[in-house]
Amino acid sequence: MHCGWYGYYCHFRKIEKLPAINIIDNLRHILSSLNSILWNEYWIMIIAFTGLVFTIWSGFAQYKIIRHTPKILGGEFNNKNDDGVISHFQALSTALSGTVGLGNISGVALAITLGGPGAIFWMWVIAIFGMAIKLIEVILSMLYRNTEDPENPHGGPMWVAENGFKKTFPKYKKLGKTLAILFAISIATSSITGGNMFQAWSVADITYEYFGIEGWVTGIILSIIVAAVILGGIERIAKVTSKIVPVMVTLYILAGFYVLSIHISEVPEMLILIVTSAFTTTQASGAFIGGTVGTAFMFGTKRAIFSNEAGQGSSPIVHAAVKTNEPVREGMIAGIEPLIDTIVVCTFTALIILSTGTWDRKADIEFDEIPTVNYENNAWSFSKIIHNEKNGKAGDPVIMLVEAGKNKSSNQNIHKIPGKIMVNRDNFEIQWNDFSSDIKPKIITDGYFYDYVGATMTAKAFDSVNPGLGKWLITIASWFFAISTIMAWGYYGEQGIIYLAGEQSKTSFRIIYCLLIFIATLGFIETSVDLDNLSGIGLGIIVYANLPICWVFGYQAIRAYKAYINNEKVRNIEN
């Protein structure tokens, strides 16, 4: 996991690892560059603006979604003769299994680590706008789904693009086909990265952190479990997720209530901090290096979109399999997802992390001796130091803080220097990464920090209230949430591949998909930046492909929505 298969191979073969390290570093640089291109402030503004437009255009559909969805889930509109193979609840559970999970446990921690408390405010905003985006996405998917085989329906933005252009803009049907292919490739890519490898890595990381089980073991177990389910198709996936998701969300929220009850006096202060930090610079404190309004907005928006999937066009794929002939009803079911995912579950996670002080804690380990700083090979290097903490393990990532030139991400002068615990004969020592700066870095803390990334930080927040609570709750929750999410995204990616290569391609995709679960746990991902790059690239690609489709055909969804809510039968049921 942390040392990885390559480290073990080199250990037994007694060979030098530097060339591979350079390759991995170069790969990280490429991924980081792609991530920064895909995710810039202009594109994020477009996503937020899209949600705002659909919110106003629909007449603030969020209100209708909250009122009407319980009645749909209650079965008042069910018709056994409608096309489709799964129920409204199964579709909601499957879609939520792709959203409620490690995006909430790991993604929220990542947003706070990189963007500060203000990132949560922007997660709320995107969640509200996301309700309108999901409404439009799913209505369009239902309007254009392929039900030639009623027992095996297909839907999603690729079908909207192809069939929508053929029907509405026949002169531009080639453009529609191009957009459809682009989305199909994107959904397969995103399912592999954010929907699969991000999840597998997070589970392997927290399992290693608490139980010392190497990542490849976790990878094998995850691969076997997921394979046993996704080989059965959407019906088996829906049955499993409809059982897992409600139980795990309930347990997680109950545990969250317990933690917050201990810190109840701090909750109002944390809510104020979230709002104020969204509009002001957050000063560095403890493990947090500081953040600006821009970083809060950027990371909050990115993590919200990753968590609730609004704008990705992913959940419309599973909603298209629902047994109904009324597109708007399923759109309203989908619209409730960001509310559950981000407003409820993500807020719980955020308040737990903030109120327990895990995000800006003091140094975990005090220095026995402060590393010396030297200038070598056009970079600042730091001397190795002995690591005497018994809880530390070989491969654990750590960080120390230095003051140097301006940090572009936080607009302050504090930087993180990553390090890793290494084995040197019978002792542990920390080897620090080099640091590039025109100004000599000054170590400003009395010690160093374990680099708690994603789900591990959330678990440590639970542990701070009741030792062992995070260890067991977050580890178990991470396993169940990751399994359900990987299964849901496996179906999404599979549908993209089916669109591109036909039904015969799905078995090959399923096998490759399960192998990638294992590969993700072999040690290529090590830091929060790696994690953000991996999930961000897949997410960025898919949003670029999906939003243009929403803009082109959104008016059709709005028209269908307004016709539905003005229907006399619907109004009578609501009243």
Protein backbone atom coordinates (compact mmCIF):
# COMPACT_ATOMS: atom_id res chain seq x y z
CA MET A 1 0.00 0.00 0.00
CA HIS A 2 2.39 2.69 1.20
CA CYS A 3 5.61 0.84 0.31
CA GLY A 4 3.89 -0.78 -2.65
CA TRP A 5 4.64 -3.86 -4.71
CA TYR A 6 7.56 -2.10 -6.36
CA GLY A 7 9.26 -1.47 -3.03
CA TYR A 8 9.02 -5.12 -2.06
CA TYR A 9 10.30 -6.21 -5.45
CA CYS A 10 13.36 -3.96 -5.16
CA HIS A 11 13.95 -5.09 -1.58
CA PHE A 12 14.15 -8.75 -2.55
CA ARG A 13 16.06 -8.13 -5.79
CA LYS A 14 18.47 -5.69 -4.12
CA ILE A 15 18.16 -3.16 -6.96
CA GLU A 16 18.10 0.61 -7.02
CA LYS A 17 14.67 2.24 -7.14
CA LEU A 18 15.61 5.72 -8.37
CA PRO A 19 14.62 5.30 -12.04
CA ALA A 20 11.11 4.13 -11.08
CA ILE A 21 10.83 6.94 -8.55
CA ASN A 22 11.57 9.40 -11.35
CA ILE A 23 8.95 7.76 -13.54
CA ILE A 24 6.35 7.97 -10.79
CA ASP A 25 7.28 11.59 -10.04
CA ASN A 26 6.95 12.45 -13.73
CA LEU A 27 3.57 10.73 -13.84
CA ARG A 28 2.47 12.75 -10.82
CA HIS A 29 3.57 15.95 -12.54
CA ILE A 30 1.56 15.05 -15.67
CA LEU A 31 -1.54 14.22 -13.62
CA SER A 32 -1.20 17.44 -11.65
CA SER A 33 -0.93 19.47 -14.85
CA LEU A 34 -4.00 17.79 -16.34
CA ASN A 35 -5.95 18.35 -13.15
CA SER A 36 -5.12 22.06 -13.10
CA ILE A 37 -6.15 22.41 -16.75
CA LEU A 38 -9.45 20.61 -16.28
CA TRP A 39 -10.24 22.41 -13.04
CA ASN A 40 -9.86 26.15 -13.22
CA GLU A 41 -11.96 28.90 -11.71
CA TYR A 42 -13.65 29.70 -15.03
CA TRP A 43 -14.94 26.19 -15.60
CA ILE A 44 -16.13 25.86 -12.03
CA MET A 45 -18.02 29.13 -12.44
CA ILE A 46 -19.72 27.63 -15.50
CA ILE A 47 -20.88 24.63 -13.46
CA ALA A 48 -22.23 26.85 -10.68
CA PHE A 49 -23.86 29.15 -13.24
CA THR A 50 -25.52 26.15 -14.91
CA GLY A 51 -27.10 25.15 -11.61
CA LEU A 52 -28.26 28.71 -10.98
CA VAL A 53 -29.84 28.98 -14.44
CA PHE A 54 -31.72 25.68 -14.11
CA THR A 55 -32.84 26.66 -10.61
CA ILE A 56 -34.37 29.94 -11.79
CA TRP A 57 -35.64 28.48 -15.08
CA SER A 58 -37.49 25.68 -13.29
CA GLY A 59 -39.05 28.10 -10.81
CA PHE A 60 -36.91 26.85 -7.90
CA ALA A 61 -37.72 23.20 -8.45
CA GLN A 62 -35.94 22.28 -5.22
CA TYR A 63 -39.13 23.05 -3.28
CA LYS A 64 -41.24 20.74 -5.44
CA ILE A 65 -38.57 18.03 -5.32
CA ILE A 66 -38.58 17.98 -1.51
CA ARG A 67 -42.38 17.88 -1.32
CA HIS A 68 -43.12 15.44 -4.12
CA THR A 69 -40.34 12.84 -3.89
CA PRO A 70 -41.67 11.05 -0.75
CA LYS A 71 -44.98 10.43 -2.53
CA ILE A 72 -43.22 8.93 -5.55
CA LEU A 73 -41.10 6.69 -3.34
CA GLY A 74 -44.26 5.70 -1.48
CA GLY A 75 -45.57 4.07 -4.65
CA GLU A 76 -48.56 6.32 -5.38
CA PHE A 77 -47.67 6.46 -9.10
CA ASN A 78 -46.38 2.90 -9.64
CA ASN A 79 -47.54 0.93 -12.68
CA LYS A 80 -46.29 -2.63 -13.11
CA ASN A 81 -46.78 -2.41 -16.88
CA ASP A 82 -44.27 0.41 -17.33
CA ASP A 83 -40.93 -0.22 -19.02
CA GLY A 84 -37.87 -0.81 -16.83
CA VAL A 85 -36.45 -3.36 -14.43
CA ILE A 86 -35.83 -1.68 -11.04
CA SER A 87 -37.93 0.37 -8.62
CA HIS A 88 -37.66 4.06 -7.77
CA PHE A 89 -36.13 3.19 -4.41
CA GLN A 90 -33.60 0.81 -5.91
CA ALA A 91 -32.54 3.46 -8.43
CA LEU A 92 -32.22 6.05 -5.66
CA SER A 93 -30.20 3.63 -3.51
CA THR A 94 -27.92 2.69 -6.38
CA ALA A 95 -27.38 6.32 -7.37
CA LEU A 96 -26.75 7.25 -3.73
CA SER A 97 -24.31 4.37 -3.43
CA GLY A 98 -22.29 6.18 -6.06
CA THR A 99 -22.52 9.46 -4.13
CA VAL A 100 -22.99 8.81 -0.41
CA GLY A 101 -19.79 7.12 0.61
CA LEU A 102 -16.12 7.95 0.48
CA GLY A 103 -16.95 11.22 -1.23
CA ASN A 104 -18.54 12.18 2.09
CA ILE A 105 -16.02 10.55 4.40
CA SER A 106 -12.86 11.16 2.40
CA GLY A 107 -13.87 13.99 0.08
CA VAL A 108 -15.01 16.33 2.85
CA ALA A 109 -11.76 15.81 4.73
CA LEU A 110 -9.87 16.50 1.52
CA ALA A 111 -11.86 19.71 0.92
CA ILE A 112 -11.07 21.00 4.42
CA THR A 113 -7.40 19.96 4.19
CA LEU A 114 -6.88 21.79 0.90
CA GLY A 115 -9.45 24.60 1.02
CA GLY A 116 -10.24 25.19 4.68
CA PRO A 117 -13.63 25.34 6.44
CA GLY A 118 -15.03 27.71 3.80
CA ALA A 119 -14.96 24.88 1.28
CA ILE A 120 -17.98 23.37 3.04
CA PHE A 121 -20.09 26.47 2.37
CA TRP A 122 -19.45 26.14 -1.34
CA MET A 123 -20.32 22.45 -1.11
CA TRP A 124 -23.73 23.53 0.22
CA VAL A 125 -24.25 26.00 -2.60
CA ILE A 126 -23.36 23.47 -5.26
CA ALA A 127 -25.64 20.91 -3.60
CA ILE A 128 -28.64 23.24 -3.86
CA PHE A 129 -27.86 24.08 -7.47
CA GLY A 130 -27.06 20.42 -8.06
CA MET A 131 -30.64 19.44 -7.26
CA ALA A 132 -31.78 21.40 -10.33
CA ILE A 133 -28.98 20.02 -12.51
CA LYS A 134 -29.84 16.43 -11.57
CA LEU A 135 -33.51 17.07 -12.28
CA ILE A 136 -32.65 18.17 -15.82
CA GLU A 137 -30.09 15.40 -16.44
CA VAL A 138 -32.41 12.58 -15.47
CA ILE A 139 -35.50 13.95 -17.23
CA LEU A 140 -33.47 14.10 -20.44
CA SER A 141 -32.13 10.60 -19.89
CA MET A 142 -35.67 9.29 -19.43
CA LEU A 143 -36.95 11.16 -22.48
CA TYR A 144 -34.33 9.58 -24.73
CA ARG A 145 -33.63 6.22 -23.11
CA ASN A 146 -33.46 3.10 -25.27
CA THR A 147 -36.23 0.64 -24.32
CA GLU A 148 -36.15 -1.59 -27.38
CA ASP A 149 -35.52 -4.39 -24.89
CA PRO A 150 -37.83 -3.49 -21.94
CA GLU A 151 -35.89 -5.87 -19.67
CA ASN A 152 -32.55 -4.30 -20.54
CA PRO A 153 -33.02 -0.53 -20.95
CA HIS A 154 -30.13 1.83 -21.72
CA GLY A 155 -29.94 5.53 -20.98
CA GLY A 156 -27.72 8.45 -20.16
CA PRO A 157 -26.25 11.53 -21.84
CA MET A 158 -24.80 9.48 -24.73
CA TRP A 159 -28.31 8.46 -25.77
CA VAL A 160 -29.59 12.01 -25.22
CA ALA A 161 -26.87 13.41 -27.48
CA GLU A 162 -27.32 10.89 -30.28
CA ASN A 163 -31.13 10.63 -30.34
CA GLY A 164 -31.72 14.25 -29.34
CA PHE A 165 -29.72 15.65 -32.26
CA LYS A 166 -31.30 13.15 -34.68
CA LYS A 167 -34.79 14.22 -33.64
CA THR A 168 -34.33 17.92 -32.94
CA PHE A 169 -31.33 18.98 -35.04
CA PRO A 170 -31.04 16.35 -37.83
CA LYS A 171 -28.54 18.48 -39.78
CA TYR A 172 -26.14 18.18 -36.84
CA LYS A 173 -26.61 14.50 -36.03
CA LYS A 174 -22.87 13.92 -36.53
CA LEU A 175 -22.19 16.45 -33.80
CA GLY A 176 -24.62 14.56 -31.58
CA LYS A 177 -22.81 11.31 -32.27
CA THR A 178 -19.47 12.95 -31.50
CA LEU A 179 -20.75 14.27 -28.16
CA ALA A 180 -22.22 10.85 -27.39
CA ILE A 181 -18.90 9.11 -28.05
CA LEU A 182 -17.04 11.72 -26.00
CA PHE A 183 -19.36 11.19 -23.05
CA ALA A 184 -19.20 7.40 -23.32
CA ILE A 185 -15.39 7.54 -23.23
CA SER A 186 -15.56 10.03 -20.35
CA ILE A 187 -17.94 7.97 -18.21
CA ALA A 188 -15.74 4.91 -18.66
CA THR A 189 -12.65 6.95 -17.71
CA SER A 190 -14.34 8.50 -14.69
CA SER A 191 -15.66 5.14 -13.51
CA ILE A 192 -12.13 3.76 -13.58
CA THR A 193 -10.50 6.71 -11.75
CA GLY A 194 -12.87 8.47 -9.34
CA GLY A 195 -15.50 5.72 -9.17
CA ASN A 196 -13.08 2.83 -8.75
CA MET A 197 -9.41 3.60 -8.00
CA PHE A 198 -10.14 6.53 -5.66
CA GLN A 199 -12.47 4.30 -3.62
CA ALA A 200 -10.13 1.31 -3.55
CA TRP A 201 -7.14 3.42 -2.50
CA SER A 202 -9.09 5.09 0.31
CA VAL A 203 -10.20 1.76 1.75
CA ALA A 204 -6.70 0.31 1.48
CA ASP A 205 -5.22 3.42 3.14
CA ILE A 206 -7.46 3.38 6.20
CA THR A 207 -7.26 -0.42 6.55
CA TYR A 208 -3.47 -0.18 6.52
CA GLU A 209 -3.50 2.78 8.91
CA TYR A 210 -5.50 0.96 11.59
CA PHE A 211 -4.80 -2.71 11.04
CA GLY A 212 -1.46 -2.80 9.20
CA ILE A 213 -2.95 -4.88 6.39
CA GLU A 214 -1.06 -4.25 3.17
CA GLY A 215 -2.95 -2.63 0.33
CA TRP A 216 -2.67 -5.53 -2.08
CA VAL A 217 -4.58 -7.76 0.37
CA THR A 218 -7.40 -5.21 0.53
CA GLY A 219 -7.29 -4.96 -3.26
CA ILE A 220 -7.77 -8.69 -3.74
CA ILE A 221 -10.71 -8.86 -1.31
CA LEU A 222 -12.42 -5.83 -2.84
CA SER A 223 -11.95 -7.21 -6.35
CA ILE A 224 -13.53 -10.54 -5.48
CA ILE A 225 -16.53 -9.00 -3.68
CA VAL A 226 -17.24 -6.49 -6.45
CA ALA A 227 -16.83 -9.08 -9.20
CA ALA A 228 -19.34 -11.38 -7.51
CA VAL A 229 -21.98 -8.64 -7.70
CA ILE A 230 -21.39 -6.70 -10.93
CA LEU A 231 -21.30 -9.87 -13.01
CA GLY A 232 -25.01 -10.13 -12.21
CA GLY A 233 -25.83 -6.80 -13.86
CA ILE A 234 -27.97 -3.87 -12.70
CA GLU A 235 -30.67 -5.94 -11.00
CA ARG A 236 -28.16 -7.62 -8.68
CA ILE A 237 -26.33 -4.34 -8.11
CA ALA A 238 -29.61 -2.59 -7.23
CA LYS A 239 -30.63 -5.32 -4.79
CA VAL A 240 -27.30 -5.17 -2.95
CA THR A 241 -27.02 -1.37 -2.82
CA SER A 242 -30.63 -0.94 -1.69
CA LYS A 243 -29.70 -2.96 1.42
CA ILE A 244 -26.22 -1.56 2.09
CA VAL A 245 -26.78 2.18 1.68
CA PRO A 246 -29.71 2.79 4.09
CA VAL A 247 -28.02 0.78 6.87
CA MET A 248 -24.62 2.44 6.54
CA VAL A 249 -26.00 5.98 6.25
CA THR A 250 -28.11 5.43 9.37
CA LEU A 251 -25.17 4.05 11.37
CA TYR A 252 -22.88 6.85 10.22
CA ILE A 253 -25.36 9.58 11.14
CA LEU A 254 -26.07 8.03 14.55
CA ALA A 255 -22.33 7.90 15.30
CA GLY A 256 -22.06 11.48 14.06
CA PHE A 257 -24.80 12.59 16.44
CA TYR A 258 -22.86 10.99 19.28
CA VAL A 259 -19.62 12.83 18.42
CA LEU A 260 -21.39 16.15 17.92
CA SER A 261 -23.24 15.76 21.22
CA ILE A 262 -19.84 15.79 22.96
CA HIS A 263 -18.91 19.02 21.15
CA ILE A 264 -22.41 20.48 20.90
CA SER A 265 -21.33 23.86 22.33
CA GLU A 266 -18.83 24.25 19.48
CA VAL A 267 -21.24 23.46 16.63
CA PRO A 268 -22.66 27.01 16.25
CA GLU A 269 -19.12 28.40 16.22
CA MET A 270 -18.10 25.89 13.53
CA LEU A 271 -21.11 26.80 11.37
CA ILE A 272 -20.14 30.47 11.64
CA LEU A 273 -16.55 29.54 10.77
CA ILE A 274 -17.73 27.71 7.64
CA VAL A 275 -19.66 30.74 6.41
CA THR A 276 -17.06 33.39 7.27
CA SER A 277 -14.17 31.33 5.84
CA ALA A 278 -16.01 31.13 2.53
CA PHE A 279 -15.58 34.88 2.06
CA THR A 280 -12.34 35.67 3.90
CA THR A 281 -8.77 34.38 4.03
CA THR A 282 -8.35 31.63 6.61
CA GLN A 283 -5.11 31.98 8.51
CA ALA A 284 -2.75 29.06 8.98
CA SER A 285 -3.24 27.12 12.20
CA GLY A 286 -1.62 23.89 13.37
CA ALA A 287 -1.66 21.37 10.54
CA PHE A 288 -3.65 23.70 8.26
CA ILE A 289 -1.45 25.92 6.08
CA GLY A 290 -4.13 28.54 5.39
CA GLY A 291 -6.50 29.22 2.53
CA THR A 292 -8.12 31.93 0.46
CA VAL A 293 -11.65 32.50 -0.79
CA GLY A 294 -10.45 31.10 -4.11
CA THR A 295 -9.10 27.85 -2.67
CA ALA A 296 -12.23 27.38 -0.55
CA PHE A 297 -14.43 27.88 -3.60
CA MET A 298 -12.27 25.71 -5.86
CA PHE A 299 -11.91 22.70 -3.58
CA GLY A 300 -15.41 22.96 -2.10
CA THR A 301 -17.02 23.04 -5.52
CA LYS A 302 -14.84 20.25 -6.88
CA ARG A 303 -15.47 17.95 -3.92
CA ALA A 304 -19.22 18.71 -3.96
CA ILE A 305 -19.48 17.79 -7.63
CA PHE A 306 -17.41 14.68 -7.01
CA SER A 307 -19.55 13.75 -4.01
CA ASN A 308 -23.10 14.33 -5.28
CA GLU A 309 -22.27 13.91 -9.01
CA ALA A 310 -24.44 16.82 -10.16
CA GLY A 311 -23.35 17.73 -13.67
CA GLN A 312 -21.55 14.45 -14.29
CA GLY A 313 -24.41 12.68 -16.03
CA SER A 314 -23.66 9.46 -14.18
CA SER A 315 -26.77 8.83 -12.10
CA PRO A 316 -29.09 9.33 -15.14
CA ILE A 317 -27.64 6.05 -16.42
CA VAL A 318 -29.04 4.03 -13.52
CA HIS A 319 -32.29 6.02 -13.30
CA ALA A 320 -32.91 5.11 -16.95
CA ALA A 321 -33.41 1.49 -15.82
CA VAL A 322 -36.37 2.40 -13.56
CA LYS A 323 -39.81 0.94 -14.14
CA THR A 324 -41.73 4.09 -15.08
CA ASN A 325 -43.02 5.85 -18.17
CA GLU A 326 -43.06 9.34 -16.60
CA PRO A 327 -39.64 11.02 -17.07
CA VAL A 328 -40.23 13.88 -14.62
CA ARG A 329 -40.96 11.61 -11.66
CA GLU A 330 -37.58 9.98 -11.97
CA GLY A 331 -35.97 13.38 -12.41
CA MET A 332 -37.46 14.48 -9.10
CA ILE A 333 -36.21 11.33 -7.38
CA ALA A 334 -32.71 12.13 -8.63
CA GLY A 335 -33.06 15.73 -7.49
CA ILE A 336 -33.21 14.68 -3.84
CA GLU A 337 -29.78 13.02 -4.03
CA PRO A 338 -27.59 16.14 -3.52
CA LEU A 339 -29.72 17.08 -0.51
CA ILE A 340 -29.12 13.73 1.19
CA ASP A 341 -25.53 13.42 0.08
CA THR A 342 -24.10 16.89 0.64
CA ILE A 343 -26.41 18.94 2.84
CA VAL A 344 -26.94 16.11 5.34
CA VAL A 345 -24.08 13.59 5.27
CA CYS A 346 -21.23 15.87 4.18
CA THR A 347 -22.21 18.49 6.75
CA PHE A 348 -22.08 15.85 9.47
CA THR A 349 -18.57 14.88 8.44
CA ALA A 350 -17.44 18.51 8.25
CA LEU A 351 -18.77 19.43 11.70
CA ILE A 352 -17.10 16.35 13.20
CA ILE A 353 -13.70 17.20 11.67
CA LEU A 354 -13.94 20.89 12.58
CA SER A 355 -15.36 20.58 16.10
CA THR A 356 -12.79 17.98 17.14
CA GLY A 357 -9.91 20.13 15.86
CA THR A 358 -8.45 17.34 13.76
CA TRP A 359 -7.96 19.62 10.77
CA ASP A 360 -5.78 22.21 12.59
CA ARG A 361 -4.29 20.04 15.33
CA LYS A 362 -0.86 20.67 16.84
CA ALA A 363 2.15 18.57 15.81
CA ASP A 364 1.57 14.86 16.34
CA ILE A 365 5.26 14.13 17.13
CA GLU A 366 7.76 16.54 18.65
CA PHE A 367 11.22 16.82 17.08
CA ASP A 368 14.04 15.15 19.00
CA GLU A 369 16.26 17.11 16.67
CA ILE A 370 15.23 19.67 14.07
CA PRO A 371 16.27 18.71 10.51
CA THR A 372 19.08 20.76 9.03
CA VAL A 373 18.48 22.62 5.76
CA ASN A 374 20.98 22.56 2.88
CA TYR A 375 20.92 23.80 -0.70
CA GLU A 376 21.78 21.04 -3.17
CA ASN A 377 21.04 20.46 -6.86
CA ASN A 378 18.95 23.64 -7.19
CA ALA A 379 16.66 22.67 -4.30
CA TRP A 380 16.55 22.77 -0.52
CA SER A 381 17.10 19.40 1.15
CA PHE A 382 16.41 18.36 4.73
CA SER A 383 18.42 15.92 6.79
CA LYS A 384 16.88 12.62 7.84
CA ILE A 385 15.69 12.34 11.44
CA ILE A 386 15.00 9.40 13.75
CA HIS A 387 11.34 8.46 14.20
CA ASN A 388 10.79 7.04 17.69
CA GLU A 389 7.00 6.92 17.76
CA LYS A 390 5.91 3.31 18.32
CA ASN A 391 2.66 3.76 16.39
CA GLY A 392 4.48 4.73 13.20
CA LYS A 393 4.96 2.19 10.44
CA ALA A 394 7.34 1.99 7.52
CA GLY A 395 5.80 3.81 4.59
CA ASP A 396 3.62 6.15 6.65
CA PRO A 397 3.50 9.63 5.05
CA VAL A 398 4.31 12.60 7.32
CA ILE A 399 4.61 16.37 6.84
CA MET A 400 6.39 19.27 8.48
CA LEU A 401 5.66 22.95 7.92
CA VAL A 402 8.12 25.57 6.73
CA GLU A 403 7.96 29.28 6.04
CA ALA A 404 9.33 30.40 2.68
CA GLY A 405 8.07 32.32 -0.37
CA LYS A 406 4.43 32.79 -1.30
CA ASN A 407 2.37 29.60 -1.51
CA LYS A 408 0.15 30.06 -4.57
CA SER A 409 -2.58 27.78 -3.29
CA SER A 410 -3.05 29.49 0.08
CA ASN A 411 -1.66 32.95 -0.73
CA GLN A 412 0.37 32.68 2.47
CA ASN A 413 3.99 31.81 3.18
CA ILE A 414 3.59 28.40 4.79
CA HIS A 415 4.35 25.18 2.90
CA LYS A 416 4.06 21.47 3.60
CA ILE A 417 7.20 19.36 3.25
CA PRO A 418 6.19 15.72 2.70
CA GLY A 419 8.22 12.93 4.18
CA LYS A 420 8.01 9.19 4.65
CA ILE A 421 8.96 6.84 7.45
CA MET A 422 11.72 4.54 6.22
CA VAL A 423 13.47 1.52 7.71
CA ASN A 424 17.21 1.99 8.32
CA ARG A 425 18.60 -1.20 9.83
CA ASP A 426 16.78 -1.59 13.15
CA ASN A 427 15.53 2.01 13.34
CA PHE A 428 12.83 4.10 11.73
CA GLU A 429 13.86 7.39 10.19
CA ILE A 430 12.09 10.04 8.16
CA GLN A 431 13.29 10.97 4.72
CA TRP A 432 12.02 14.39 3.56
CA ASN A 433 11.27 15.51 0.02
CA ASP A 434 13.33 18.32 -1.47
CA PHE A 435 11.77 21.79 -1.71
CA SER A 436 12.20 24.43 -4.44
CA SER A 437 12.19 28.06 -3.34
CA ASP A 438 14.16 31.27 -3.85
CA ILE A 439 14.01 31.79 -0.09
CA LYS A 440 15.62 29.46 2.42
CA PRO A 441 12.79 27.57 4.19
CA LYS A 442 12.47 27.94 7.94
CA ILE A 443 10.92 25.11 9.96
CA ILE A 444 8.16 26.73 12.02
CA THR A 445 6.67 23.90 14.09
CA ASP A 446 8.00 22.04 17.11
CA GLY A 447 7.38 18.73 15.44
CA TYR A 448 5.78 17.00 12.47
CA PHE A 449 2.38 15.58 11.56
CA TYR A 450 1.10 12.31 10.25
CA ASP A 451 -0.37 13.10 6.84
CA TYR A 452 -3.93 12.04 7.47
CA VAL A 453 -5.48 11.87 4.03
CA GLY A 454 -9.18 11.57 3.29
CA ALA A 455 -11.03 8.93 5.28
CA THR A 456 -8.19 8.56 7.78
CA MET A 457 -8.62 12.16 8.95
CA THR A 458 -12.35 11.58 9.48
CA ALA A 459 -11.59 8.42 11.44
CA LYS A 460 -9.09 10.29 13.63
CA ALA A 461 -11.79 12.87 14.38
CA PHE A 462 -14.09 10.11 15.67
CA ASP A 463 -11.19 8.57 17.62
CA SER A 464 -10.50 11.88 19.37
CA VAL A 465 -13.88 11.56 21.12
CA ASN A 466 -13.86 7.84 21.76
CA PRO A 467 -10.64 5.93 20.97
CA GLY A 468 -11.44 3.06 18.64
CA LEU A 469 -14.72 4.55 17.36
CA GLY A 470 -13.13 5.88 14.19
CA LYS A 471 -11.03 2.79 13.79
CA TRP A 472 -14.03 0.53 13.55
CA LEU A 473 -16.81 2.82 12.30
CA ILE A 474 -14.91 4.52 9.49
CA THR A 475 -13.09 1.37 8.44
CA ILE A 476 -16.33 -0.62 8.22
CA ALA A 477 -18.22 2.28 6.63
CA SER A 478 -15.41 2.83 4.13
CA TRP A 479 -15.52 -0.80 3.09
CA PHE A 480 -19.27 -0.88 2.60
CA PHE A 481 -19.50 2.54 0.98
CA ALA A 482 -16.57 1.82 -1.33
CA ILE A 483 -17.99 -1.54 -2.39
CA SER A 484 -21.38 -0.03 -3.22
CA THR A 485 -19.81 2.95 -5.00
CA ILE A 486 -17.45 0.81 -7.05
CA MET A 487 -20.38 -1.39 -8.06
CA ALA A 488 -22.55 1.57 -9.10
CA TRP A 489 -19.74 3.17 -11.09
CA GLY A 490 -18.93 -0.17 -12.65
CA TYR A 491 -22.42 -0.12 -14.13
CA TYR A 492 -21.97 3.46 -15.34
CA GLY A 493 -18.68 2.67 -17.04
CA GLU A 494 -20.10 -0.53 -18.48
CA GLN A 495 -22.96 1.36 -20.12
CA GLY A 496 -20.45 3.73 -21.72
CA ILE A 497 -18.49 0.78 -23.10
CA ILE A 498 -21.68 -0.91 -24.32
CA TYR A 499 -22.58 2.25 -26.20
CA LEU A 500 -19.15 2.31 -27.84
CA ALA A 501 -18.60 -1.38 -28.52
CA GLY A 502 -21.89 -3.22 -28.02
CA GLU A 503 -23.25 -5.70 -25.48
CA GLN A 504 -20.46 -8.20 -26.13
CA SER A 505 -17.90 -5.82 -24.63
CA LYS A 506 -19.33 -5.68 -21.12
CA THR A 507 -17.73 -8.90 -19.83
CA SER A 508 -14.24 -7.71 -20.79
CA PHE A 509 -14.88 -4.35 -19.16
CA ARG A 510 -16.04 -5.97 -15.93
CA ILE A 511 -12.87 -8.07 -15.72
CA ILE A 512 -10.59 -5.10 -16.40
CA TYR A 513 -12.56 -2.95 -13.95
CA CYS A 514 -12.07 -5.46 -11.14
CA LEU A 515 -8.35 -5.78 -11.90
CA LEU A 516 -7.98 -2.00 -11.59
CA ILE A 517 -9.36 -2.19 -8.05
CA PHE A 518 -6.34 -4.29 -7.17
CA ILE A 519 -3.89 -2.09 -9.10
CA ALA A 520 -5.08 1.04 -7.26
CA THR A 521 -3.96 -0.45 -3.94
CA LEU A 522 -0.36 -1.17 -4.94
CA GLY A 523 1.22 2.08 -3.78
CA PHE A 524 1.10 4.52 -6.70
CA ILE A 525 -1.11 6.94 -4.74
CA GLU A 526 0.58 8.32 -1.63
CA THR A 527 -0.56 11.88 -0.81
CA SER A 528 -3.66 14.07 -0.70
CA VAL A 529 -2.45 15.73 -3.90
CA ASP A 530 -2.25 12.35 -5.66
CA LEU A 531 -5.75 11.60 -4.45
CA ASP A 532 -7.11 14.93 -5.68
CA ASN A 533 -5.42 14.52 -9.06
CA LEU A 534 -6.75 11.01 -9.59
CA SER A 535 -10.37 11.79 -8.81
CA GLY A 536 -10.23 15.29 -10.30
CA ILE A 537 -9.11 14.20 -13.76
CA GLY A 538 -11.84 11.62 -14.19
CA LEU A 539 -14.43 14.04 -12.88
CA GLY A 540 -13.19 16.93 -15.02
CA ILE A 541 -13.35 14.93 -18.24
CA ILE A 542 -16.91 13.75 -17.68
CA VAL A 543 -18.29 17.16 -16.72
CA TYR A 544 -16.79 18.69 -19.86
CA ALA A 545 -18.65 16.11 -21.93
CA ASN A 546 -21.99 16.26 -20.10
CA LEU A 547 -22.72 19.95 -19.52
CA PRO A 548 -22.93 20.90 -23.21
CA ILE A 549 -25.60 18.20 -23.63
CA CYS A 550 -27.57 19.68 -20.73
CA TRP A 551 -27.35 23.17 -22.19
CA VAL A 552 -28.48 22.10 -25.67
CA PHE A 553 -31.50 20.05 -24.57
CA GLY A 554 -32.28 21.55 -21.16
CA TYR A 555 -35.30 23.41 -22.49
CA GLN A 556 -36.99 20.08 -23.28
CA ALA A 557 -36.57 18.91 -19.70
CA ILE A 558 -37.88 22.23 -18.33
CA ARG A 559 -40.92 22.00 -20.61
CA ALA A 560 -41.65 18.44 -19.46
CA TYR A 561 -41.17 19.41 -15.80
CA LYS A 562 -43.57 22.36 -15.93
CA ALA A 563 -46.18 20.30 -17.77
CA TYR A 564 -45.92 17.64 -15.07
CA ILE A 565 -46.23 19.91 -12.02
CA ASN A 566 -49.20 21.68 -13.61
CA ASN A 567 -50.97 18.37 -14.15
CA GLU A 568 -54.23 18.33 -12.19
CA LYS A 569 -53.71 14.80 -10.85
CA VAL A 570 -50.27 15.67 -9.53
CA ARG A 571 -51.54 18.83 -7.83
CA ASN A 572 -54.40 16.92 -6.21
CA ILE A 573 -52.01 14.31 -4.77
CA GLU A 574 -49.71 17.03 -3.41
CA ASN A 575 -52.61 18.78 -1.73
